[in-house]
Amino acid sequence: MLFVFVFAAEAQNDYVSPERKQAIDSLALEKVRDLSKYISIVGNKNTPFSEANRVIDRAEELFASGAEIGVSSLNRSDIEYYGVRPYFEHLMALNYDEVTISWYDIQYISDLERQPDGTYVGVITIYQRFEGRSDDGMEYKDTTKKDITVFVQKKETQIGGRVIDFWDVLLGDIRVSETTT
């Protein structure tokens, strides 16, 4: 689903009222929840390849251009960062017969702050529980705390010949802050 909130009057002067900010916050959290669902679908080994690719296309629409997603493991100290599509391709290629990924405790940790270019930026923190199992008995589990940058930008669209300004939310980089058992 593509969500667009039209804030015509307020977008004209780049001011976001507390009421609109609450609507924008809700939209950002909804996009994060959508991403969580997409990750679960693509990570599920029973998802058909064509469906996984359709979901990846939808996931890419949630992100700002150039965004990266961090991947960590208890088995190594470094964190690898992937572009959005390569991240999902990596997820599909994991060498497990069963993968379960769930997100919980999703919350804003920093309020939206206005940038010099008129964009607002905030951070949402989530906890991701990853479980992978193989038919041969191999099992891996971890919990990762991740920080998701959120961009709120003023955009324009044309509806019925009129140019309408609106605020849109895009996800940015997803940074790993810690990985535990």
Protein backbone atom coordinates (compact mmCIF):
# COMPACT_ATOMS: atom_id res chain seq x y z
CA MET A 1 0.00 0.00 0.00
CA LEU A 2 1.23 3.47 -0.79
CA PHE A 3 0.29 6.00 1.86
CA VAL A 4 0.30 9.70 1.07
CA PHE A 5 -1.00 12.31 3.46
CA VAL A 6 -1.97 15.56 1.82
CA PHE A 7 -1.07 18.52 3.98
CA ALA A 8 -1.62 21.23 1.39
CA ALA A 9 -1.97 24.26 3.64
CA GLU A 10 0.90 23.39 5.94
CA ALA A 11 3.26 22.09 3.26
CA GLN A 12 3.24 25.50 1.60
CA ASN A 13 5.30 27.00 4.40
CA ASP A 14 7.19 23.87 5.58
CA TYR A 15 5.57 24.12 9.02
CA VAL A 16 4.29 20.92 10.61
CA SER A 17 1.66 21.42 13.29
CA PRO A 18 1.54 19.04 16.27
CA GLU A 19 -1.55 17.38 14.75
CA ARG A 20 0.18 16.82 11.39
CA LYS A 21 3.33 15.66 13.15
CA GLN A 22 1.28 13.00 14.89
CA ALA A 23 -0.14 11.88 11.53
CA ILE A 24 3.39 11.82 10.04
CA ASP A 25 4.67 9.81 13.02
CA SER A 26 1.86 7.30 12.50
CA LEU A 27 2.70 7.04 8.80
CA ALA A 28 6.39 6.46 9.59
CA LEU A 29 5.55 3.72 12.09
CA GLU A 30 3.16 2.15 9.57
CA LYS A 31 5.92 2.06 6.94
CA VAL A 32 8.25 0.40 9.46
CA ARG A 33 5.56 -2.20 10.22
CA ASP A 34 5.11 -2.79 6.48
CA LEU A 35 8.86 -3.32 6.14
CA SER A 36 8.74 -5.82 9.00
CA LYS A 37 6.03 -7.78 7.16
CA TYR A 38 8.00 -7.68 3.90
CA ILE A 39 11.13 -9.00 5.63
CA SER A 40 9.12 -11.84 7.17
CA ILE A 41 7.56 -12.76 3.82
CA VAL A 42 10.85 -12.72 1.90
CA GLY A 43 12.70 -14.53 4.71
CA ASN A 44 10.10 -17.31 4.76
CA LYS A 45 11.49 -20.20 2.70
CA ASN A 46 7.93 -21.19 1.66
CA THR A 47 7.34 -17.89 -0.15
CA PRO A 48 7.33 -18.44 -3.94
CA PHE A 49 10.14 -16.65 -5.80
CA SER A 50 7.71 -14.51 -7.84
CA GLU A 51 5.89 -13.38 -4.68
CA ALA A 52 9.19 -12.59 -2.96
CA ASN A 53 10.25 -10.42 -5.91
CA ARG A 54 6.90 -8.58 -5.87
CA VAL A 55 7.34 -7.93 -2.14
CA ILE A 56 10.92 -6.70 -2.67
CA ASP A 57 9.63 -4.20 -5.25
CA ARG A 58 7.14 -2.93 -2.66
CA ALA A 59 9.83 -2.74 0.02
CA GLU A 60 12.08 -0.63 -2.22
CA GLU A 61 9.28 1.96 -2.48
CA LEU A 62 9.53 2.56 1.28
CA PHE A 63 13.14 3.77 1.10
CA ALA A 64 15.01 6.90 0.12
CA SER A 65 17.50 6.45 -2.71
CA GLY A 66 20.82 4.96 -1.59
CA ALA A 67 19.54 3.62 1.75
CA GLU A 68 21.43 0.72 3.28
CA ILE A 69 20.40 -2.03 5.69
CA GLY A 70 22.83 -3.44 8.26
CA VAL A 71 23.27 -7.16 8.87
CA SER A 72 25.08 -8.54 11.89
CA SER A 73 25.82 -11.94 13.39
CA LEU A 74 27.00 -13.29 16.71
CA ASN A 75 29.63 -15.20 14.72
CA ARG A 76 31.50 -12.10 13.51
CA SER A 77 32.33 -8.67 14.85
CA ASP A 78 31.80 -6.65 11.68
CA ILE A 79 28.48 -5.36 10.38
CA GLU A 80 27.75 -5.67 6.67
CA TYR A 81 25.62 -3.06 4.90
CA TYR A 82 23.59 -3.78 1.78
CA GLY A 83 21.44 -1.69 -0.51
CA VAL A 84 17.73 -2.48 -0.17
CA ARG A 85 17.39 -4.98 -3.05
CA PRO A 86 20.74 -6.70 -2.32
CA TYR A 87 19.67 -7.00 1.35
CA PHE A 88 16.49 -8.82 0.37
CA GLU A 89 18.37 -11.00 -2.15
CA HIS A 90 20.82 -11.90 0.64
CA LEU A 91 17.87 -12.72 2.89
CA MET A 92 16.35 -15.04 0.25
CA ALA A 93 19.70 -16.81 -0.20
CA LEU A 94 20.31 -17.62 3.48
CA ASN A 95 21.33 -21.24 3.89
CA TYR A 96 18.51 -22.32 6.23
CA ASP A 97 15.48 -24.48 5.58
CA GLU A 98 13.35 -22.38 7.89
CA VAL A 99 13.74 -18.69 8.78
CA THR A 100 11.62 -16.69 11.20
CA ILE A 101 12.14 -12.94 11.56
CA SER A 102 10.04 -10.79 13.84
CA TRP A 103 10.25 -7.16 14.92
CA TYR A 104 9.05 -5.85 18.26
CA ASP A 105 9.28 -2.83 20.57
CA ILE A 106 9.06 -0.40 17.64
CA GLN A 107 9.36 3.18 18.89
CA TYR A 108 10.66 6.64 18.09
CA ILE A 109 13.87 7.42 19.93
CA SER A 110 14.41 10.85 18.43
CA ASP A 111 11.81 13.41 17.57
CA LEU A 112 11.58 14.74 14.03
CA GLU A 113 14.08 17.57 13.57
CA ARG A 114 13.89 20.08 10.75
CA GLN A 115 16.96 20.18 8.50
CA PRO A 116 18.20 23.28 6.60
CA ASP A 117 16.70 21.92 3.34
CA GLY A 118 13.20 21.69 4.90
CA THR A 119 13.32 17.91 5.32
CA TYR A 120 12.55 16.49 8.75
CA VAL A 121 14.67 13.61 10.09
CA GLY A 122 13.99 11.23 12.97
CA VAL A 123 15.02 7.79 14.19
CA ILE A 124 12.86 4.78 14.97
CA THR A 125 14.36 1.91 16.98
CA ILE A 126 13.26 -1.69 16.58
CA TYR A 127 14.35 -5.04 17.93
CA GLN A 128 14.63 -7.87 15.42
CA ARG A 129 14.50 -11.53 16.47
CA PHE A 130 16.11 -13.82 13.88
CA GLU A 131 15.84 -17.61 13.98
CA GLY A 132 17.25 -19.91 11.31
CA ARG A 133 17.01 -23.69 11.27
CA SER A 134 18.29 -26.35 8.88
CA ASP A 135 16.95 -29.86 8.42
CA ASP A 136 20.36 -31.21 9.51
CA GLY A 137 19.93 -29.67 12.98
CA MET A 138 21.90 -26.44 12.46
CA GLU A 139 20.26 -23.60 14.38
CA TYR A 140 21.06 -19.91 14.80
CA LYS A 141 19.24 -17.25 16.86
CA ASP A 142 19.96 -13.63 17.67
CA THR A 143 18.28 -10.39 18.64
CA THR A 144 19.43 -7.19 17.00
CA LYS A 145 18.66 -3.63 17.98
CA LYS A 146 18.39 -1.47 14.86
CA ASP A 147 17.96 2.26 14.31
CA ILE A 148 15.99 3.31 11.25
CA THR A 149 16.45 6.85 9.91
CA VAL A 150 13.16 8.41 8.82
CA PHE A 151 12.94 11.28 6.30
CA VAL A 152 9.86 13.46 5.97
CA GLN A 153 9.96 15.49 2.78
CA LYS A 154 7.66 17.95 1.10
CA LYS A 155 6.64 16.74 -2.34
CA GLU A 156 4.27 17.78 -5.09
CA THR A 157 1.70 15.90 -7.11
CA GLN A 158 -0.87 16.92 -9.64
CA ILE A 159 -4.50 16.06 -8.96
CA GLY A 160 -7.19 17.23 -11.39
CA GLY A 161 -4.86 19.78 -12.95
CA ARG A 162 -3.96 21.30 -9.56
CA VAL A 163 -0.51 21.03 -8.00
CA ILE A 164 -0.83 19.79 -4.44
CA ASP A 165 1.98 19.85 -1.87
CA PHE A 166 2.13 16.95 0.58
CA TRP A 167 4.45 15.45 3.19
CA ASP A 168 5.80 11.98 2.48
CA VAL A 169 7.78 9.62 4.68
CA LEU A 170 10.73 7.60 3.40
CA LEU A 171 12.94 5.23 5.32
CA GLY A 172 16.69 5.75 5.26
CA ASP A 173 19.59 3.66 6.53
CA ILE A 174 18.94 0.88 9.01
CA ARG A 175 21.93 0.77 11.35
CA VAL A 176 22.75 -2.08 13.72
CA SER A 177 23.42 -0.83 17.24
CA GLU A 178 23.80 -4.18 19.03
CA THR A 179 23.37 -7.91 18.52
CA THR A 180 22.75 -10.33 21.40
CA THR A 181 21.59 -13.90 21.99
